[in-house]
PDB file of N, CA and C in Angstrom:
ATOM      1  N   UNK A   1      10.199  -0.683  -8.192  1.00  0.00           N
ATOM      2  CA  UNK A   1       9.828  -2.541  -7.757  1.00  0.00           C
ATOM      3  C   UNK A   1       8.086  -2.198  -8.327  1.00  0.00           C
ATOM      4  N   UNK A   2       8.318  -3.350  -9.092  1.00  0.00           N
ATOM      5  CA  UNK A   2       7.117  -4.250 -10.032  1.00  0.00           C
ATOM      6  C   UNK A   2       6.097  -5.219  -9.295  1.00  0.00           C
ATOM      7  N   UNK A   3       5.732  -5.615  -9.294  1.00  0.00           N
ATOM      8  CA  UNK A   3       4.649  -6.511  -8.918  1.00  0.00           C
ATOM      9  C   UNK A   3       5.098  -7.976  -9.131  1.00  0.00           C
ATOM     10  N   UNK A   4       6.574  -8.403 -10.362  1.00  0.00           N
ATOM     11  CA  UNK A   4       6.727  -9.492 -10.073  1.00  0.00           C
ATOM     12  C   UNK A   4       8.412  -9.578  -8.665  1.00  0.00           C
ATOM     13  N   UNK A   5       8.814  -7.962  -8.729  1.00  0.00           N
ATOM     14  CA  UNK A   5       9.375  -8.417  -7.603  1.00  0.00           C
ATOM     15  C   UNK A   5       9.732  -8.566  -6.723  1.00  0.00           C
ATOM     16  N   UNK A   6       8.007  -8.042  -6.096  1.00  0.00           N
ATOM     17  CA  UNK A   6       7.087  -7.814  -5.020  1.00  0.00           C
ATOM     18  C   UNK A   6       6.735  -9.765  -5.088  1.00  0.00           C
ATOM     19  N   UNK A   7       6.321 -10.282  -5.106  1.00  0.00           N
ATOM     20  CA  UNK A   7       6.133 -11.384  -5.006  1.00  0.00           C
ATOM     21  C   UNK A   7       7.466 -11.541  -4.673  1.00  0.00           C
ATOM     22  N   UNK A   8       8.585 -12.005  -6.119  1.00  0.00           N
ATOM     23  CA  UNK A   8      10.297 -12.544  -5.483  1.00  0.00           C
ATOM     24  C   UNK A   8      10.233 -12.851  -3.516  1.00  0.00           C
ATOM     25  N   UNK A   9      10.601 -11.024  -3.752  1.00  0.00           N
ATOM     26  CA  UNK A   9      10.259 -10.861  -2.161  1.00  0.00           C
ATOM     27  C   UNK A   9       9.608 -10.809  -0.741  1.00  0.00           C
ATOM     28  N   UNK A  10       8.621 -10.682  -1.357  1.00  0.00           N
ATOM     29  CA  UNK A  10       6.788 -11.796  -0.653  1.00  0.00           C
ATOM     30  C   UNK A  10       7.374 -12.964  -0.186  1.00  0.00           C
ATOM     31  N   UNK A  11       7.718 -13.694  -1.287  1.00  0.00           N
ATOM     32  CA  UNK A  11       8.067 -15.110  -1.178  1.00  0.00           C
ATOM     33  C   UNK A  11       8.695 -15.900  -0.119  1.00  0.00           C
ATOM     34  N   UNK A  12      10.187 -14.951  -0.188  1.00  0.00           N
ATOM     35  CA  UNK A  12      11.538 -15.516   0.377  1.00  0.00           C
ATOM     36  C   UNK A  12      11.219 -14.498   1.798  1.00  0.00           C
ATOM     37  N   UNK A  13      10.469 -14.019   1.934  1.00  0.00           N
ATOM     38  CA  UNK A  13       9.654 -13.289   3.707  1.00  0.00           C
ATOM     39  C   UNK A  13      10.106 -12.599   3.656  1.00  0.00           C
ATOM     40  N   UNK A  14      10.857 -11.750   2.701  1.00  0.00           N
ATOM     41  CA  UNK A  14      11.823 -10.247   2.981  1.00  0.00           C
ATOM     42  C   UNK A  14      10.650  -8.911   3.166  1.00  0.00           C
ATOM     43  N   UNK A  15       9.279  -8.693   2.667  1.00  0.00           N
ATOM     44  CA  UNK A  15       9.058  -7.561   3.188  1.00  0.00           C
ATOM     45  C   UNK A  15       7.965  -8.136   4.122  1.00  0.00           C
ATOM     46  N   UNK A  16       8.353  -7.095   4.925  1.00  0.00           N
ATOM     47  CA  UNK A  16       7.540  -6.798   6.197  1.00  0.00           C
ATOM     48  C   UNK A  16       6.400  -6.209   6.353  1.00  0.00           C
ATOM     49  N   UNK A  17       5.522  -5.545   5.766  1.00  0.00           N
ATOM     50  CA  UNK A  17       4.568  -4.779   5.349  1.00  0.00           C
ATOM     51  C   UNK A  17       4.297  -4.497   3.983  1.00  0.00           C
ATOM     52  N   UNK A  18       3.053  -4.211   4.033  1.00  0.00           N
ATOM     53  CA  UNK A  18       2.136  -4.068   2.156  1.00  0.00           C
ATOM     54  C   UNK A  18       1.896  -2.864   3.126  1.00  0.00           C
ATOM     55  N   UNK A  19       1.230  -1.356   2.049  1.00  0.00           N
ATOM     56  CA  UNK A  19       0.949  -0.541   2.594  1.00  0.00           C
ATOM     57  C   UNK A  19       0.217   0.262   1.749  1.00  0.00           C
ATOM     58  N   UNK A  20      -1.460   0.281   1.989  1.00  0.00           N
ATOM     59  CA  UNK A  20      -2.124   0.728   1.016  1.00  0.00           C
ATOM     60  C   UNK A  20      -2.293   2.283   1.083  1.00  0.00           C
ATOM     61  N   UNK A  21      -1.201   3.363   0.559  1.00  0.00           N
ATOM     62  CA  UNK A  21      -1.745   4.852   1.171  1.00  0.00           C
ATOM     63  C   UNK A  21      -2.846   5.504   0.465  1.00  0.00           C
ATOM     64  N   UNK A  22      -4.197   6.100   1.439  1.00  0.00           N
ATOM     65  CA  UNK A  22      -5.073   6.751   0.566  1.00  0.00           C
ATOM     66  C   UNK A  22      -4.649   8.273   0.398  1.00  0.00           C
ATOM     67  N   UNK A  23      -4.566   8.568  -1.071  1.00  0.00           N
ATOM     68  CA  UNK A  23      -3.916  10.287  -1.387  1.00  0.00           C
ATOM     69  C   UNK A  23      -5.181  10.950  -2.223  1.00  0.00           C
ATOM     70  N   UNK A  24      -5.272  11.834  -1.119  1.00  0.00           N
ATOM     71  CA  UNK A  24      -6.257  13.136  -1.781  1.00  0.00           C
ATOM     72  C   UNK A  24      -6.505  13.069  -3.000  1.00  0.00           C
ATOM     73  N   UNK A  25      -8.524  12.761  -3.684  1.00  0.00           N
ATOM     74  CA  UNK A  25      -8.812  12.626  -4.887  1.00  0.00           C
ATOM     75  C   UNK A  25      -8.729  11.135  -5.218  1.00  0.00           C
ATOM     76  N   UNK A  26      -9.054  10.509  -3.735  1.00  0.00           N
ATOM     77  CA  UNK A  26      -9.088   8.947  -4.536  1.00  0.00           C
ATOM     78  C   UNK A  26      -8.494   8.020  -4.934  1.00  0.00           C
ATOM     79  N   UNK A  27      -7.280   8.371  -5.408  1.00  0.00           N
ATOM     80  CA  UNK A  27      -6.338   7.643  -5.243  1.00  0.00           C
ATOM     81  C   UNK A  27      -4.890   7.034  -4.288  1.00  0.00           C
ATOM     82  N   UNK A  28      -4.930   5.948  -5.084  1.00  0.00           N
ATOM     83  CA  UNK A  28      -4.435   4.889  -3.835  1.00  0.00           C
ATOM     84  C   UNK A  28      -2.954   4.258  -4.149  1.00  0.00           C
ATOM     85  N   UNK A  29      -2.334   4.404  -3.232  1.00  0.00           N
ATOM     86  CA  UNK A  29      -1.080   4.351  -3.706  1.00  0.00           C
ATOM     87  C   UNK A  29      -0.460   2.934  -2.478  1.00  0.00           C
ATOM     88  N   UNK A  30      -0.034   1.818  -3.444  1.00  0.00           N
ATOM     89  CA  UNK A  30       0.876   0.696  -2.718  1.00  0.00           C
ATOM     90  C   UNK A  30       3.108   0.636  -2.500  1.00  0.00           C
ATOM     91  N   UNK A  31       3.220   0.363  -1.011  1.00  0.00           N
ATOM     92  CA  UNK A  31       4.843   0.146  -1.002  1.00  0.00           C
ATOM     93  C   UNK A  31       4.825  -0.758  -0.372  1.00  0.00           C
ATOM     94  N   UNK A  32       5.283  -1.337  -0.842  1.00  0.00           N
ATOM     95  CA  UNK A  32       6.062  -2.315   0.321  1.00  0.00           C
ATOM     96  C   UNK A  32       7.128  -1.706   0.999  1.00  0.00           C
ATOM     97  N   UNK A  33       6.815  -2.113   2.730  1.00  0.00           N
ATOM     98  CA  UNK A  33       8.598  -2.028   3.117  1.00  0.00           C
ATOM     99  C   UNK A  33       9.449  -3.017   3.661  1.00  0.00           C
ATOM    100  N   UNK A  34      10.755  -3.039   3.039  1.00  0.00           N
ATOM    101  CA  UNK A  34      11.482  -3.650   3.983  1.00  0.00           C
ATOM    102  C   UNK A  34      12.643  -3.383   4.569  1.00  0.00           C
ATOM    103  N   UNK A  35      13.250  -3.979   5.656  1.00  0.00           N
ATOM    104  CA  UNK A  35      14.160  -2.930   6.882  1.00  0.00           C
ATOM    105  C   UNK A  35      13.765  -1.396   6.954  1.00  0.00           C
ATOM    106  N   UNK A  36      13.151  -1.327   7.208  1.00  0.00           N
ATOM    107  CA  UNK A  36      12.224  -0.142   6.954  1.00  0.00           C
ATOM    108  C   UNK A  36      12.411   0.990   5.927  1.00  0.00           C
ATOM    109  N   UNK A  37      13.034   0.739   5.362  1.00  0.00           N
ATOM    110  CA  UNK A  37      12.895   1.527   4.442  1.00  0.00           C
ATOM    111  C   UNK A  37      11.223   1.324   2.237  1.00  0.00           C
ATOM    112  N   UNK A  38      10.831   2.458   2.151  1.00  0.00           N
ATOM    113  CA  UNK A  38       9.661   2.433   1.899  1.00  0.00           C
ATOM    114  C   UNK A  38      10.153   2.624   0.830  1.00  0.00           C
ATOM    115  N   UNK A  39       9.426   0.861  -0.302  1.00  0.00           N
ATOM    116  CA  UNK A  39       9.115   0.594  -1.809  1.00  0.00           C
ATOM    117  C   UNK A  39       8.032   0.935  -2.415  1.00  0.00           C
ATOM    118  N   UNK A  40       8.000   1.917  -3.787  1.00  0.00           N
ATOM    119  CA  UNK A  40       6.608   2.065  -3.894  1.00  0.00           C
ATOM    120  C   UNK A  40       6.572   1.114  -5.427  1.00  0.00           C
ATOM    121  N   UNK A  41       5.744   0.980  -5.294  1.00  0.00           N
ATOM    122  CA  UNK A  41       5.032  -0.001  -6.503  1.00  0.00           C
ATOM    123  C   UNK A  41       4.650   0.439  -7.609  1.00  0.00           C
ATOM    124  N   UNK A  42       6.024   0.744  -9.027  1.00  0.00           N
ATOM    125  CA  UNK A  42       5.487   0.433  -9.937  1.00  0.00           C
ATOM    126  C   UNK A  42       5.137  -0.336 -11.174  1.00  0.00           C
ATOM    127  N   UNK A  43       4.246   0.135 -11.937  1.00  0.00           N
ATOM    128  CA  UNK A  43       2.609  -0.710 -12.682  1.00  0.00           C
ATOM    129  C   UNK A  43       4.299  -1.136 -14.856  1.00  0.00           C
ATOM    130  N   UNK A  44       3.542  -1.339 -15.253  1.00  0.00           N
ATOM    131  CA  UNK A  44       4.953  -1.551 -16.339  1.00  0.00           C
ATOM    132  C   UNK A  44       5.692  -0.881 -17.271  1.00  0.00           C
ATOM    133  N   UNK A  45       4.942   0.393 -16.706  1.00  0.00           N
ATOM    134  CA  UNK A  45       5.956   1.452 -17.671  1.00  0.00           C
ATOM    135  C   UNK A  45       6.451   2.577 -16.433  1.00  0.00           C
ATOM    136  N   UNK A  46       6.555   1.481 -15.293  1.00  0.00           N
ATOM    137  CA  UNK A  46       7.749   2.048 -14.772  1.00  0.00           C
ATOM    138  C   UNK A  46       7.133   2.831 -13.673  1.00  0.00           C
ATOM    139  N   UNK A  47       5.571   3.465 -13.889  1.00  0.00           N
ATOM    140  CA  UNK A  47       5.569   4.881 -12.856  1.00  0.00           C
ATOM    141  C   UNK A  47       4.246   4.201 -11.671  1.00  0.00           C
ATOM    142  N   UNK A  48       4.282   5.218 -11.157  1.00  0.00           N
ATOM    143  CA  UNK A  48       3.950   5.240  -9.855  1.00  0.00           C
ATOM    144  C   UNK A  48       2.406   4.033  -9.849  1.00  0.00           C
ATOM    145  N   UNK A  49       2.592   2.718  -9.687  1.00  0.00           N
ATOM    146  CA  UNK A  49       0.508   2.528  -9.966  1.00  0.00           C
ATOM    147  C   UNK A  49       0.032   3.427  -8.980  1.00  0.00           C
ATOM    148  N   UNK A  50      -0.968   2.923  -9.310  1.00  0.00           N
ATOM    149  CA  UNK A  50      -1.981   4.453  -9.083  1.00  0.00           C
ATOM    150  C   UNK A  50      -3.353   3.228  -9.423  1.00  0.00           C
ATOM    151  N   UNK A  51      -3.788   3.356  -8.165  1.00  0.00           N
ATOM    152  CA  UNK A  51      -5.620   2.162  -7.767  1.00  0.00           C
ATOM    153  C   UNK A  51      -6.554   3.372  -7.669  1.00  0.00           C
ATOM    154  N   UNK A  52      -7.510   1.939  -7.877  1.00  0.00           N
ATOM    155  CA  UNK A  52      -8.781   3.328  -7.394  1.00  0.00           C
ATOM    156  C   UNK A  52      -9.631   3.086  -6.022  1.00  0.00           C
ATOM    157  N   UNK A  53      -8.882   1.606  -5.020  1.00  0.00           N
ATOM    158  CA  UNK A  53     -10.218   1.441  -3.857  1.00  0.00           C
ATOM    159  C   UNK A  53      -8.920   0.208  -3.613  1.00  0.00           C
ATOM    160  N   UNK A  54     -10.009   0.392  -2.879  1.00  0.00           N
ATOM    161  CA  UNK A  54      -9.350  -1.041  -2.046  1.00  0.00           C
ATOM    162  C   UNK A  54      -9.546  -2.943  -2.602  1.00  0.00           C
ATOM    163  N   UNK A  55     -10.602  -2.633  -3.216  1.00  0.00           N
ATOM    164  CA  UNK A  55     -10.777  -3.385  -3.381  1.00  0.00           C
ATOM    165  C   UNK A  55     -10.474  -3.516  -5.094  1.00  0.00           C
ATOM    166  N   UNK A  56      -9.383  -3.030  -5.518  1.00  0.00           N
ATOM    167  CA  UNK A  56      -8.965  -2.574  -6.435  1.00  0.00           C
ATOM    168  C   UNK A  56      -7.624  -3.620  -6.632  1.00  0.00           C
ATOM    169  N   UNK A  57      -6.863  -2.973  -4.907  1.00  0.00           N
ATOM    170  CA  UNK A  57      -5.489  -2.800  -4.583  1.00  0.00           C
ATOM    171  C   UNK A  57      -5.227  -4.922  -4.827  1.00  0.00           C
ATOM    172  N   UNK A  58      -7.057  -5.986  -3.884  1.00  0.00           N
ATOM    173  CA  UNK A  58      -6.804  -6.606  -3.792  1.00  0.00           C
ATOM    174  C   UNK A  58      -6.739  -7.804  -4.545  1.00  0.00           C
ATOM    175  N   UNK A  59      -7.549  -7.557  -6.270  1.00  0.00           N
ATOM    176  CA  UNK A  59      -7.515  -7.896  -7.429  1.00  0.00           C
ATOM    177  C   UNK A  59      -6.403  -7.452  -7.619  1.00  0.00           C
ATOM    178  N   UNK A  60      -4.715  -6.309  -7.591  1.00  0.00           N
ATOM    179  CA  UNK A  60      -3.727  -6.503  -7.992  1.00  0.00           C
ATOM    180  C   UNK A  60      -3.077  -7.480  -7.308  1.00  0.00           C
ATOM    181  N   UNK A  61      -3.246  -8.113  -5.629  1.00  0.00           N
ATOM    182  CA  UNK A  61      -2.613  -8.423  -4.754  1.00  0.00           C
ATOM    183  C   UNK A  61      -1.936  -9.906  -4.914  1.00  0.00           C
ATOM    184  N   UNK A  62      -3.586 -10.042  -5.866  1.00  0.00           N
ATOM    185  CA  UNK A  62      -4.366 -11.417  -5.029  1.00  0.00           C
ATOM    186  C   UNK A  62      -2.780 -12.741  -5.852  1.00  0.00           C
ATOM    187  N   UNK A  63      -2.212 -12.354  -6.424  1.00  0.00           N
ATOM    188  CA  UNK A  63      -1.431 -13.986  -6.978  1.00  0.00           C
ATOM    189  C   UNK A  63      -0.020 -13.503  -5.879  1.00  0.00           C
ATOM    190  N   UNK A  64      -0.289 -12.582  -5.047  1.00  0.00           N
ATOM    191  CA  UNK A  64       0.917 -12.187  -3.744  1.00  0.00           C
ATOM    192  C   UNK A  64       0.765 -13.294  -2.437  1.00  0.00           C
ATOM    193  N   UNK A  65       1.835 -13.152  -1.839  1.00  0.00           N
ATOM    194  CA  UNK A  65       1.417 -14.174  -0.896  1.00  0.00           C
ATOM    195  C   UNK A  65       0.799 -13.469  -0.059  1.00  0.00           C
ATOM    196  N   UNK A  66       0.128 -13.557   1.468  1.00  0.00           N
ATOM    197  CA  UNK A  66      -0.041 -13.195   2.414  1.00  0.00           C
ATOM    198  C   UNK A  66       0.545 -12.202   3.513  1.00  0.00           C
ATOM    199  N   UNK A  67       0.667 -11.194   3.308  1.00  0.00           N
ATOM    200  CA  UNK A  67       1.414 -10.285   4.242  1.00  0.00           C
ATOM    201  C   UNK A  67       0.870  -9.717   5.429  1.00  0.00           C
ATOM    202  N   UNK A  68       1.398  -9.219   5.669  1.00  0.00           N
ATOM    203  CA  UNK A  68       1.005  -8.426   6.758  1.00  0.00           C
ATOM    204  C   UNK A  68       0.551  -6.411   6.027  1.00  0.00           C
ATOM    205  N   UNK A  69      -1.290  -6.878   5.981  1.00  0.00           N
ATOM    206  CA  UNK A  69      -1.596  -5.080   5.388  1.00  0.00           C
ATOM    207  C   UNK A  69      -1.997  -4.289   5.826  1.00  0.00           C
ATOM    208  N   UNK A  70      -2.060  -3.205   5.455  1.00  0.00           N
ATOM    209  CA  UNK A  70      -2.800  -1.574   5.874  1.00  0.00           C
ATOM    210  C   UNK A  70      -2.955  -0.856   5.146  1.00  0.00           C
ATOM    211  N   UNK A  71      -3.954  -0.366   5.767  1.00  0.00           N
ATOM    212  CA  UNK A  71      -4.047   1.147   5.105  1.00  0.00           C
ATOM    213  C   UNK A  71      -4.011   2.454   5.175  1.00  0.00           C
ATOM    214  N   UNK A  72      -3.753   3.230   4.658  1.00  0.00           N
ATOM    215  CA  UNK A  72      -2.924   4.430   5.135  1.00  0.00           C
ATOM    216  C   UNK A  72      -4.124   5.610   4.558  1.00  0.00           C
ATOM    217  N   UNK A  73      -4.401   6.073   6.039  1.00  0.00           N
ATOM    218  CA  UNK A  73      -4.686   7.841   5.405  1.00  0.00           C
ATOM    219  C   UNK A  73      -3.900   8.487   6.393  1.00  0.00           C
ATOM    220  N   UNK A  74      -3.486   9.987   4.935  1.00  0.00           N
ATOM    221  CA  UNK A  74      -2.418  10.604   5.361  1.00  0.00           C
ATOM    222  C   UNK A  74      -3.978  11.770   6.015  1.00  0.00           C
ATOM    223  N   UNK A  75      -3.042  12.441   7.174  1.00  0.00           N
ATOM    224  CA  UNK A  75      -4.053  13.999   8.254  1.00  0.00           C
ATOM    225  C   UNK A  75      -3.648  15.159   7.102  1.00  0.00           C
ATOM    226  N   UNK A  76      -4.669  14.643   5.945  1.00  0.00           N
ATOM    227  CA  UNK A  76      -5.144  16.116   5.414  1.00  0.00           C
ATOM    228  C   UNK A  76      -4.986  17.767   6.093  1.00  0.00           C
ATOM    229  N   UNK A  77      -5.738  17.501   7.310  1.00  0.00           N
ATOM    230  CA  UNK A  77      -5.585  18.826   7.684  1.00  0.00           C
ATOM    231  C   UNK A  77      -4.647  19.410   7.908  1.00  0.00           C
ATOM    232  N   UNK A  78      -3.850  18.450   9.122  1.00  0.00           N
ATOM    233  CA  UNK A  78      -2.606  18.579   9.952  1.00  0.00           C
ATOM    234  C   UNK A  78      -1.735  19.444   8.711  1.00  0.00           C
ATOM    235  N   UNK A  79      -1.200  18.733   6.705  1.00  0.00           N
ATOM    236  CA  UNK A  79      -0.939  19.635   6.265  1.00  0.00           C
ATOM    237  C   UNK A  79      -0.743  20.035   5.921  1.00  0.00           C
ATOM    238  N   UNK A  80      -2.580  21.185   5.774  1.00  0.00           N
ATOM    239  CA  UNK A  80      -3.536  22.164   5.326  1.00  0.00           C
ATOM    240  C   UNK A  80      -2.552  23.290   6.290  1.00  0.00           C
ATOM    241  N   UNK A  81      -2.588  22.705   7.531  1.00  0.00           N
ATOM    242  CA  UNK A  81      -2.343  23.843   8.731  1.00  0.00           C
ATOM    243  C   UNK A  81      -1.283  24.504   8.989  1.00  0.00           C
ATOM    244  N   UNK A  82      -0.214  23.794   8.034  1.00  0.00           N
ATOM    245  CA  UNK A  82       0.963  23.432   8.561  1.00  0.00           C
ATOM    246  C   UNK A  82       0.960  23.209   9.778  1.00  0.00           C
ATOM    247  N   UNK A  83       1.020  21.851  10.803  1.00  0.00           N
ATOM    248  CA  UNK A  83       1.329  21.101  11.302  1.00  0.00           C
ATOM    249  C   UNK A  83       1.817  19.464  10.868  1.00  0.00           C
ATOM    250  N   UNK A  84       2.042  19.611   9.737  1.00  0.00           N
ATOM    251  CA  UNK A  84       2.254  17.944   9.444  1.00  0.00           C
ATOM    252  C   UNK A  84       4.119  17.761  10.181  1.00  0.00           C
ATOM    253  N   UNK A  85       3.876  16.337  10.624  1.00  0.00           N
ATOM    254  CA  UNK A  85       5.258  15.376  11.663  1.00  0.00           C
ATOM    255  C   UNK A  85       4.554  15.751  13.100  1.00  0.00           C
ATOM    256  N   UNK A  86       3.519  16.515  12.968  1.00  0.00           N
ATOM    257  CA  UNK A  86       3.336  16.120  14.644  1.00  0.00           C
ATOM    258  C   UNK A  86       3.035  14.974  14.920  1.00  0.00           C
ATOM    259  N   UNK A  87       2.099  14.303  14.331  1.00  0.00           N
ATOM    260  CA  UNK A  87       1.256  12.905  13.916  1.00  0.00           C
ATOM    261  C   UNK A  87       1.655  12.599  12.580  1.00  0.00           C
ATOM    262  N   UNK A  88       1.340  11.029  13.314  1.00  0.00           N
ATOM    263  CA  UNK A  88       1.635  10.061  12.185  1.00  0.00           C
ATOM    264  C   UNK A  88       0.097  10.211  10.967  1.00  0.00           C
ATOM    265  N   UNK A  89       0.654   9.507  10.079  1.00  0.00           N
ATOM    266  CA  UNK A  89      -0.780   8.773   9.481  1.00  0.00           C
ATOM    267  C   UNK A  89      -1.282   7.829  10.468  1.00  0.00           C
ATOM    268  N   UNK A  90      -2.150   7.589  10.125  1.00  0.00           N
ATOM    269  CA  UNK A  90      -3.599   6.145  10.872  1.00  0.00           C
ATOM    270  C   UNK A  90      -3.476   5.336   9.511  1.00  0.00           C
ATOM    271  N   UNK A  91      -2.606   4.646  10.426  1.00  0.00           N
ATOM    272  CA  UNK A  91      -2.177   3.351   9.778  1.00  0.00           C
ATOM    273  C   UNK A  91      -3.149   2.311  10.419  1.00  0.00           C
ATOM    274  N   UNK A  92      -4.337   1.410   9.653  1.00  0.00           N
ATOM    275  CA  UNK A  92      -5.405   0.198   9.819  1.00  0.00           C
ATOM    276  C   UNK A  92      -5.082  -0.802   9.107  1.00  0.00           C
ATOM    277  N   UNK A  93      -4.539  -2.138   9.822  1.00  0.00           N
ATOM    278  CA  UNK A  93      -4.781  -3.301   9.844  1.00  0.00           C
ATOM    279  C   UNK A  93      -6.180  -4.009   8.475  1.00  0.00           C
ATOM    280  N   UNK A  94      -5.735  -4.121   7.175  1.00  0.00           N
ATOM    281  CA  UNK A  94      -7.146  -4.517   6.842  1.00  0.00           C
ATOM    282  C   UNK A  94      -7.138  -5.995   6.687  1.00  0.00           C
ATOM    283  N   UNK A  95      -7.199  -6.888   6.027  1.00  0.00           N
ATOM    284  CA  UNK A  95      -7.294  -7.789   5.089  1.00  0.00           C
ATOM    285  C   UNK A  95      -6.786  -7.614   3.527  1.00  0.00           C
ATOM    286  N   UNK A  96      -5.746  -8.482   3.284  1.00  0.00           N
ATOM    287  CA  UNK A  96      -5.151  -8.924   1.057  1.00  0.00           C
ATOM    288  C   UNK A  96      -6.108  -9.754   0.617  1.00  0.00           C
ATOM    289  N   UNK A  97      -6.911 -10.290   1.301  1.00  0.00           N
ATOM    290  CA  UNK A  97      -7.522 -11.081   0.674  1.00  0.00           C
ATOM    291  C   UNK A  97      -8.904 -10.522   0.777  1.00  0.00           C
ATOM    292  N   UNK A  98      -9.735 -10.342   0.288  1.00  0.00           N
ATOM    293  CA  UNK A  98     -11.143  -9.737  -0.074  1.00  0.00           C
ATOM    294  C   UNK A  98     -12.949 -11.053   0.451  1.00  0.00           C
ATOM    295  N   UNK A  99     -13.180 -10.582   1.431  1.00  0.00           N
ATOM    296  CA  UNK A  99     -13.929 -11.648   2.304  1.00  0.00           C
ATOM    297  C   UNK A  99     -15.342 -11.202   1.675  1.00  0.00           C
ATOM    298  N   UNK A 100     -15.630 -10.593   0.597  1.00  0.00           N
ATOM    299  CA  UNK A 100     -17.229 -10.962  -0.097  1.00  0.00           C
ATOM    300  C   UNK A 100     -16.921 -12.301  -0.306  1.00  0.00           C
ATOM    301  N   UNK A 101     -18.152 -12.411  -0.966  1.00  0.00           N
ATOM    302  CA  UNK A 101     -18.641 -13.658  -1.816  1.00  0.00           C
ATOM    303  C   UNK A 101     -18.964 -13.230  -3.207  1.00  0.00           C
ATOM    304  N   UNK A 102     -18.639 -14.204  -3.488  1.00  0.00           N
ATOM    305  CA  UNK A 102     -18.693 -14.207  -5.272  1.00  0.00           C
ATOM    306  C   UNK A 102     -17.635 -14.266  -6.481  1.00  0.00           C
TER     307      UNK A 102
END
């Protein structure tokens, strides 16, 4: 799904939530969730969109209607110890729009 498609689905009220997934190495990925399925956001080349920060994601999403927006952290320690699947990732609701002034 690209940003234009995300915008169309958001305007139509079909997006349940947006998740900004924090990956190892300081990379963030965006996914839209609709009807229980995850749809990763792609860039203009069709590759998975890599973001640098929460603020970068907010800048990318500035023209998208406001949606439920979450920051998701995977539990790297559990993955490293082979315990993946015991606990879910940490999901924290955040504001889609920046609260900074200027």
